[in-house]
N, C-alpha and C. Protein backbone atom coordinates (compact mmCIF):
# COMPACT_ATOMS: atom_id res chain seq x y z
N UNK A 1 0.84 -1.17 0.00
CA UNK A 1 0.00 0.00 0.00
C UNK A 1 0.89 1.24 0.00
N UNK A 2 0.51 2.20 -0.75
CA UNK A 2 1.28 3.44 -0.87
C UNK A 2 0.67 4.50 0.06
N UNK A 3 1.52 5.25 0.72
CA UNK A 3 0.99 6.28 1.61
C UNK A 3 0.62 7.53 0.83
N UNK A 4 -0.17 8.38 1.45
CA UNK A 4 -0.71 9.55 0.78
C UNK A 4 0.38 10.54 0.40
N UNK A 5 1.41 10.68 1.24
CA UNK A 5 2.49 11.62 0.96
C UNK A 5 3.23 11.22 -0.32
N UNK A 6 3.52 9.94 -0.49
CA UNK A 6 4.20 9.47 -1.70
C UNK A 6 3.32 9.67 -2.92
N UNK A 7 2.04 9.42 -2.77
CA UNK A 7 1.10 9.62 -3.86
C UNK A 7 1.10 11.08 -4.33
N UNK A 8 1.12 12.00 -3.39
CA UNK A 8 1.14 13.42 -3.73
C UNK A 8 2.42 13.79 -4.44
N UNK A 9 3.55 13.25 -3.98
CA UNK A 9 4.84 13.55 -4.62
C UNK A 9 4.86 13.03 -6.06
N UNK A 10 4.35 11.83 -6.26
CA UNK A 10 4.33 11.26 -7.62
C UNK A 10 3.47 12.12 -8.54
N UNK A 11 2.31 12.54 -8.06
CA UNK A 11 1.44 13.39 -8.89
C UNK A 11 2.09 14.74 -9.19
N UNK A 12 2.78 15.29 -8.19
CA UNK A 12 3.45 16.58 -8.40
C UNK A 12 4.54 16.46 -9.47
N UNK A 13 5.33 15.38 -9.38
CA UNK A 13 6.37 15.16 -10.40
C UNK A 13 5.74 15.05 -11.78
N UNK A 14 4.65 14.28 -11.85
CA UNK A 14 4.02 14.04 -13.15
C UNK A 14 3.50 15.35 -13.75
N UNK A 15 3.01 16.25 -12.92
CA UNK A 15 2.47 17.51 -13.43
C UNK A 15 3.56 18.54 -13.75
N UNK A 16 4.55 18.65 -12.88
CA UNK A 16 5.56 19.70 -13.06
C UNK A 16 6.70 19.28 -13.99
N UNK A 17 7.37 18.21 -13.62
CA UNK A 17 8.57 17.79 -14.36
C UNK A 17 8.24 16.89 -15.55
N UNK A 18 7.13 16.22 -15.49
CA UNK A 18 6.69 15.26 -16.49
C UNK A 18 7.76 14.22 -16.84
N UNK A 19 8.30 13.53 -15.82
CA UNK A 19 9.28 12.48 -16.12
C UNK A 19 8.56 11.23 -16.65
N UNK A 20 9.32 10.34 -17.21
CA UNK A 20 8.73 9.08 -17.67
C UNK A 20 8.40 8.21 -16.47
N UNK A 21 7.57 7.24 -16.69
CA UNK A 21 7.21 6.32 -15.61
C UNK A 21 8.44 5.60 -15.10
N UNK A 22 9.35 5.28 -16.00
CA UNK A 22 10.58 4.60 -15.62
C UNK A 22 11.41 5.48 -14.67
N UNK A 23 11.44 6.79 -14.92
CA UNK A 23 12.17 7.70 -14.04
C UNK A 23 11.53 7.77 -12.66
N UNK A 24 10.21 7.78 -12.63
CA UNK A 24 9.50 7.79 -11.34
C UNK A 24 9.79 6.49 -10.59
N UNK A 25 9.85 5.39 -11.32
CA UNK A 25 10.16 4.10 -10.69
C UNK A 25 11.54 4.13 -10.06
N UNK A 26 12.50 4.72 -10.76
CA UNK A 26 13.87 4.82 -10.24
C UNK A 26 13.91 5.66 -8.97
N UNK A 27 13.17 6.78 -8.98
CA UNK A 27 13.19 7.69 -7.82
C UNK A 27 12.50 7.09 -6.59
N UNK A 28 11.40 6.42 -6.81
CA UNK A 28 10.61 5.93 -5.67
C UNK A 28 10.90 4.49 -5.29
N UNK A 29 11.29 3.67 -6.24
CA UNK A 29 11.51 2.26 -5.95
C UNK A 29 10.22 1.47 -5.89
N UNK A 30 9.14 2.05 -6.39
CA UNK A 30 7.84 1.35 -6.40
C UNK A 30 7.68 0.51 -7.66
N UNK A 31 6.70 -0.34 -7.65
CA UNK A 31 6.39 -1.17 -8.82
C UNK A 31 5.69 -0.33 -9.89
N UNK A 32 5.85 -0.73 -11.15
CA UNK A 32 5.30 0.01 -12.27
C UNK A 32 3.78 0.10 -12.21
N UNK A 33 3.12 -1.00 -11.86
CA UNK A 33 1.65 -0.99 -11.83
C UNK A 33 1.11 -0.05 -10.74
N UNK A 34 1.83 0.10 -9.65
CA UNK A 34 1.41 1.02 -8.59
C UNK A 34 1.51 2.47 -9.07
N UNK A 35 2.63 2.80 -9.71
CA UNK A 35 2.83 4.16 -10.21
C UNK A 35 1.78 4.48 -11.27
N UNK A 36 1.51 3.54 -12.17
CA UNK A 36 0.50 3.78 -13.20
C UNK A 36 -0.88 4.01 -12.58
N UNK A 37 -1.19 3.23 -11.56
CA UNK A 37 -2.48 3.39 -10.89
C UNK A 37 -2.58 4.77 -10.23
N UNK A 38 -1.48 5.24 -9.65
CA UNK A 38 -1.47 6.57 -9.02
C UNK A 38 -1.71 7.65 -10.06
N UNK A 39 -1.07 7.52 -11.20
CA UNK A 39 -1.21 8.54 -12.24
C UNK A 39 -2.57 8.49 -12.91
N UNK A 40 -3.15 7.29 -13.02
CA UNK A 40 -4.47 7.15 -13.63
C UNK A 40 -5.58 7.68 -12.74
N UNK A 41 -5.35 7.66 -11.45
CA UNK A 41 -6.42 8.07 -10.54
C UNK A 41 -6.77 9.54 -10.70
N UNK A 42 -5.89 10.31 -11.32
CA UNK A 42 -6.22 11.68 -11.67
C UNK A 42 -6.34 12.61 -10.50
N UNK A 43 -7.40 13.40 -10.51
CA UNK A 43 -7.56 14.45 -9.52
C UNK A 43 -8.21 13.98 -8.22
N UNK A 44 -8.54 12.73 -8.15
CA UNK A 44 -9.16 12.24 -6.93
C UNK A 44 -8.20 12.40 -5.76
N UNK A 45 -8.70 12.92 -4.70
CA UNK A 45 -7.89 13.06 -3.50
C UNK A 45 -8.03 11.80 -2.66
N UNK A 46 -6.91 11.20 -2.35
CA UNK A 46 -6.95 10.04 -1.49
C UNK A 46 -7.07 10.52 -0.06
N UNK A 47 -8.03 10.00 0.62
CA UNK A 47 -8.18 10.38 2.01
C UNK A 47 -8.63 9.16 2.79
N UNK A 48 -8.20 9.13 3.99
CA UNK A 48 -8.55 8.03 4.86
C UNK A 48 -9.58 8.54 5.85
N UNK A 49 -10.51 7.70 6.18
CA UNK A 49 -11.52 8.08 7.17
C UNK A 49 -10.84 8.24 8.52
N UNK A 50 -11.21 9.29 9.22
CA UNK A 50 -10.62 9.52 10.52
C UNK A 50 -11.13 8.46 11.48
N UNK A 51 -10.20 7.87 12.18
CA UNK A 51 -10.55 6.80 13.09
C UNK A 51 -11.22 7.35 14.34
N UNK A 52 -12.30 6.76 14.69
CA UNK A 52 -13.02 7.16 15.89
C UNK A 52 -12.64 6.19 16.99
N UNK A 53 -11.69 6.57 17.80
CA UNK A 53 -11.32 5.71 18.90
C UNK A 53 -11.21 6.55 20.16
N UNK A 54 -11.54 5.93 21.23
CA UNK A 54 -11.49 6.65 22.50
C UNK A 54 -10.10 6.53 23.10
N UNK A 55 -9.79 7.46 23.93
CA UNK A 55 -8.50 7.48 24.59
C UNK A 55 -8.69 7.08 26.04
N UNK A 56 -7.63 6.60 26.65
CA UNK A 56 -7.70 6.26 28.06
C UNK A 56 -7.88 7.51 28.92
N UNK A 57 -7.48 8.64 28.35
CA UNK A 57 -7.56 9.89 29.09
C UNK A 57 -8.92 10.57 28.99
N UNK A 58 -9.80 10.08 28.14
CA UNK A 58 -11.10 10.72 27.95
C UNK A 58 -11.90 10.93 29.24
N UNK A 59 -11.96 9.95 30.15
CA UNK A 59 -12.72 10.19 31.38
C UNK A 59 -12.13 11.32 32.23
N UNK A 60 -10.85 11.62 32.05
CA UNK A 60 -10.18 12.62 32.87
C UNK A 60 -9.95 13.93 32.11
N UNK A 61 -10.55 14.08 30.94
CA UNK A 61 -10.28 15.23 30.08
C UNK A 61 -10.57 16.56 30.76
N UNK A 62 -11.60 16.63 31.57
CA UNK A 62 -11.94 17.88 32.23
C UNK A 62 -11.00 18.16 33.41
N UNK A 63 -10.49 17.11 34.05
CA UNK A 63 -9.64 17.29 35.23
C UNK A 63 -8.18 17.53 34.88
N UNK A 64 -7.75 17.06 33.72
CA UNK A 64 -6.33 17.14 33.37
C UNK A 64 -5.77 18.57 33.36
N UNK A 65 -6.46 19.55 32.79
CA UNK A 65 -5.89 20.91 32.83
C UNK A 65 -5.64 21.41 34.25
N UNK A 66 -6.54 21.05 35.16
CA UNK A 66 -6.36 21.44 36.56
C UNK A 66 -5.13 20.76 37.15
N UNK A 67 -5.01 19.47 36.89
CA UNK A 67 -3.85 18.74 37.40
C UNK A 67 -2.55 19.30 36.85
N UNK A 68 -2.55 19.60 35.55
CA UNK A 68 -1.34 20.14 34.94
C UNK A 68 -1.01 21.52 35.48
N UNK A 69 -2.02 22.32 35.74
CA UNK A 69 -1.77 23.65 36.32
C UNK A 69 -1.12 23.51 37.68
N UNK A 70 -1.55 22.53 38.46
CA UNK A 70 -0.92 22.29 39.76
C UNK A 70 0.52 21.82 39.60
N UNK A 71 0.76 21.02 38.57
CA UNK A 71 2.12 20.51 38.34
C UNK A 71 3.08 21.61 37.92
N UNK A 72 2.61 22.61 37.21
CA UNK A 72 3.51 23.67 36.75
C UNK A 72 4.01 24.53 37.90
N UNK A 73 3.30 24.52 39.00
CA UNK A 73 3.73 25.29 40.17
C UNK A 73 4.83 24.58 40.95
N UNK A 74 5.02 23.30 40.69
CA UNK A 74 6.05 22.53 41.39
C UNK A 74 7.42 22.77 40.76
N UNK A 75 8.45 22.39 41.49
CA UNK A 75 9.80 22.52 40.93
C UNK A 75 9.98 21.50 39.81
N UNK A 76 10.96 21.71 38.99
CA UNK A 76 11.15 20.89 37.78
C UNK A 76 11.28 19.41 38.09
N UNK A 77 11.99 19.08 39.14
CA UNK A 77 12.22 17.66 39.45
C UNK A 77 11.01 16.98 40.08
N UNK A 78 10.09 17.75 40.58
CA UNK A 78 8.90 17.17 41.20
C UNK A 78 7.73 17.05 40.24
N UNK A 79 7.83 17.60 39.05
CA UNK A 79 6.74 17.56 38.09
C UNK A 79 6.54 16.17 37.51
N UNK A 80 5.28 15.91 37.12
CA UNK A 80 4.95 14.64 36.48
C UNK A 80 4.30 14.94 35.15
N UNK A 81 4.44 14.01 34.23
CA UNK A 81 3.81 14.17 32.92
C UNK A 81 2.41 13.57 32.97
N UNK A 82 1.63 13.79 31.91
CA UNK A 82 0.25 13.30 31.87
C UNK A 82 0.15 11.81 32.11
N UNK A 83 1.05 11.06 31.52
CA UNK A 83 0.99 9.60 31.66
C UNK A 83 1.18 9.21 33.13
N UNK A 84 2.10 9.89 33.82
CA UNK A 84 2.32 9.58 35.23
C UNK A 84 1.11 9.97 36.06
N UNK A 85 0.51 11.11 35.75
CA UNK A 85 -0.69 11.53 36.46
C UNK A 85 -1.81 10.51 36.27
N UNK A 86 -1.99 10.09 35.03
CA UNK A 86 -3.05 9.12 34.72
C UNK A 86 -2.81 7.81 35.44
N UNK A 87 -1.58 7.32 35.41
CA UNK A 87 -1.25 6.06 36.07
C UNK A 87 -1.51 6.14 37.57
N UNK A 88 -1.11 7.25 38.16
CA UNK A 88 -1.32 7.42 39.60
C UNK A 88 -2.82 7.46 39.93
N UNK A 89 -3.60 8.15 39.12
CA UNK A 89 -5.04 8.23 39.36
C UNK A 89 -5.69 6.87 39.19
N UNK A 90 -5.27 6.11 38.19
CA UNK A 90 -5.84 4.78 37.96
C UNK A 90 -5.54 3.87 39.15
N UNK A 91 -4.30 3.95 39.66
CA UNK A 91 -3.93 3.11 40.80
C UNK A 91 -4.74 3.49 42.04
N UNK A 92 -4.96 4.78 42.23
CA UNK A 92 -5.73 5.19 43.40
C UNK A 92 -7.19 4.73 43.28
N UNK A 93 -7.73 4.76 42.06
CA UNK A 93 -9.11 4.29 41.86
C UNK A 93 -9.18 2.78 42.10
N UNK A 94 -8.18 2.05 41.61
CA UNK A 94 -8.18 0.59 41.80
C UNK A 94 -8.02 0.24 43.27
N UNK A 95 -7.14 0.97 43.96
CA UNK A 95 -6.92 0.67 45.38
C UNK A 95 -8.17 0.96 46.20
N UNK A 96 -8.89 2.01 45.86
CA UNK A 96 -10.11 2.33 46.59
C UNK A 96 -11.18 1.27 46.37
N UNK A 97 -11.26 0.74 45.16
CA UNK A 97 -12.28 -0.27 44.89
C UNK A 97 -11.85 -1.65 45.36
N UNK A 98 -10.54 -1.86 45.55
CA UNK A 98 -10.04 -3.18 45.94
C UNK A 98 -9.95 -3.35 47.45
N UNK A 99 -10.24 -2.29 48.20
CA UNK A 99 -10.16 -2.42 49.65
C UNK A 99 -11.20 -3.43 50.12
N UNK A 100 -10.77 -4.33 50.98
CA UNK A 100 -11.73 -5.34 51.46
C UNK A 100 -12.76 -4.68 52.39
N UNK A 101 -13.94 -5.18 52.31
CA UNK A 101 -15.01 -4.69 53.16
C UNK A 101 -14.77 -5.22 54.58
N UNK A 102 -15.04 -4.40 55.56
CA UNK A 102 -14.84 -4.90 56.93
C UNK A 102 -15.75 -6.09 57.21
N UNK A 103 -15.18 -7.06 57.87
CA UNK A 103 -15.95 -8.27 58.16
C UNK A 103 -16.92 -8.00 59.30
N UNK A 104 -18.06 -8.60 59.17
CA UNK A 104 -19.03 -8.47 60.24
C UNK A 104 -18.61 -9.39 61.38
N UNK A 105 -18.73 -8.85 62.54
CA UNK A 105 -18.35 -9.66 63.69
C UNK A 105 -19.43 -10.71 63.94
N UNK A 106 -18.94 -11.86 64.25
CA UNK A 106 -19.90 -12.92 64.54
C UNK A 106 -20.36 -12.75 66.00
N UNK A 107 -21.60 -12.74 66.14
CA UNK A 107 -22.14 -12.60 67.49
C UNK A 107 -22.56 -13.99 67.99
N UNK A 108 -22.17 -14.19 69.17
CA UNK A 108 -22.55 -15.46 69.77
C UNK A 108 -23.85 -15.25 70.55
N UNK A 109 -24.76 -16.10 70.24
CA UNK A 109 -26.04 -16.04 70.94
C UNK A 109 -25.95 -16.91 72.18
N UNK A 110 -26.33 -16.32 73.24
CA UNK A 110 -26.34 -17.10 74.47
C UNK A 110 -27.65 -17.87 74.51
N UNK A 111 -27.49 -19.10 74.60
CA UNK A 111 -28.71 -19.90 74.67
C UNK A 111 -29.02 -20.21 76.11
N UNK A 112 -30.22 -20.16 76.41
CA UNK A 112 -30.62 -20.48 77.80
C UNK A 112 -31.05 -21.94 77.83
N UNK A 113 -30.31 -22.69 78.55
CA UNK A 113 -30.68 -24.09 78.60
C UNK A 113 -30.92 -24.52 80.02
């Protein structure tokens, strides 16, 4: 598969310098059929659909600027980057949810016999 940047360069060469296909092959190292396909595609703009994926930081997007503002007030050696902040917050959330519930005390019933 050819990337969009290479495709643009090939089209630019074909329009400005008008080299032969063989010359384009020498410059790029691509196969002849790929270069021909790029040149035949004409004015169509190759574009890839933007990927819709969520980030691990999305739940913290509103809090991060506040956290970073607090970090900028610290000395250089005490500052943390976003990844460190996120990791620390994740660990604190996990530790809070992983705490064992206090056990109920067993009460002994006195039986009257």
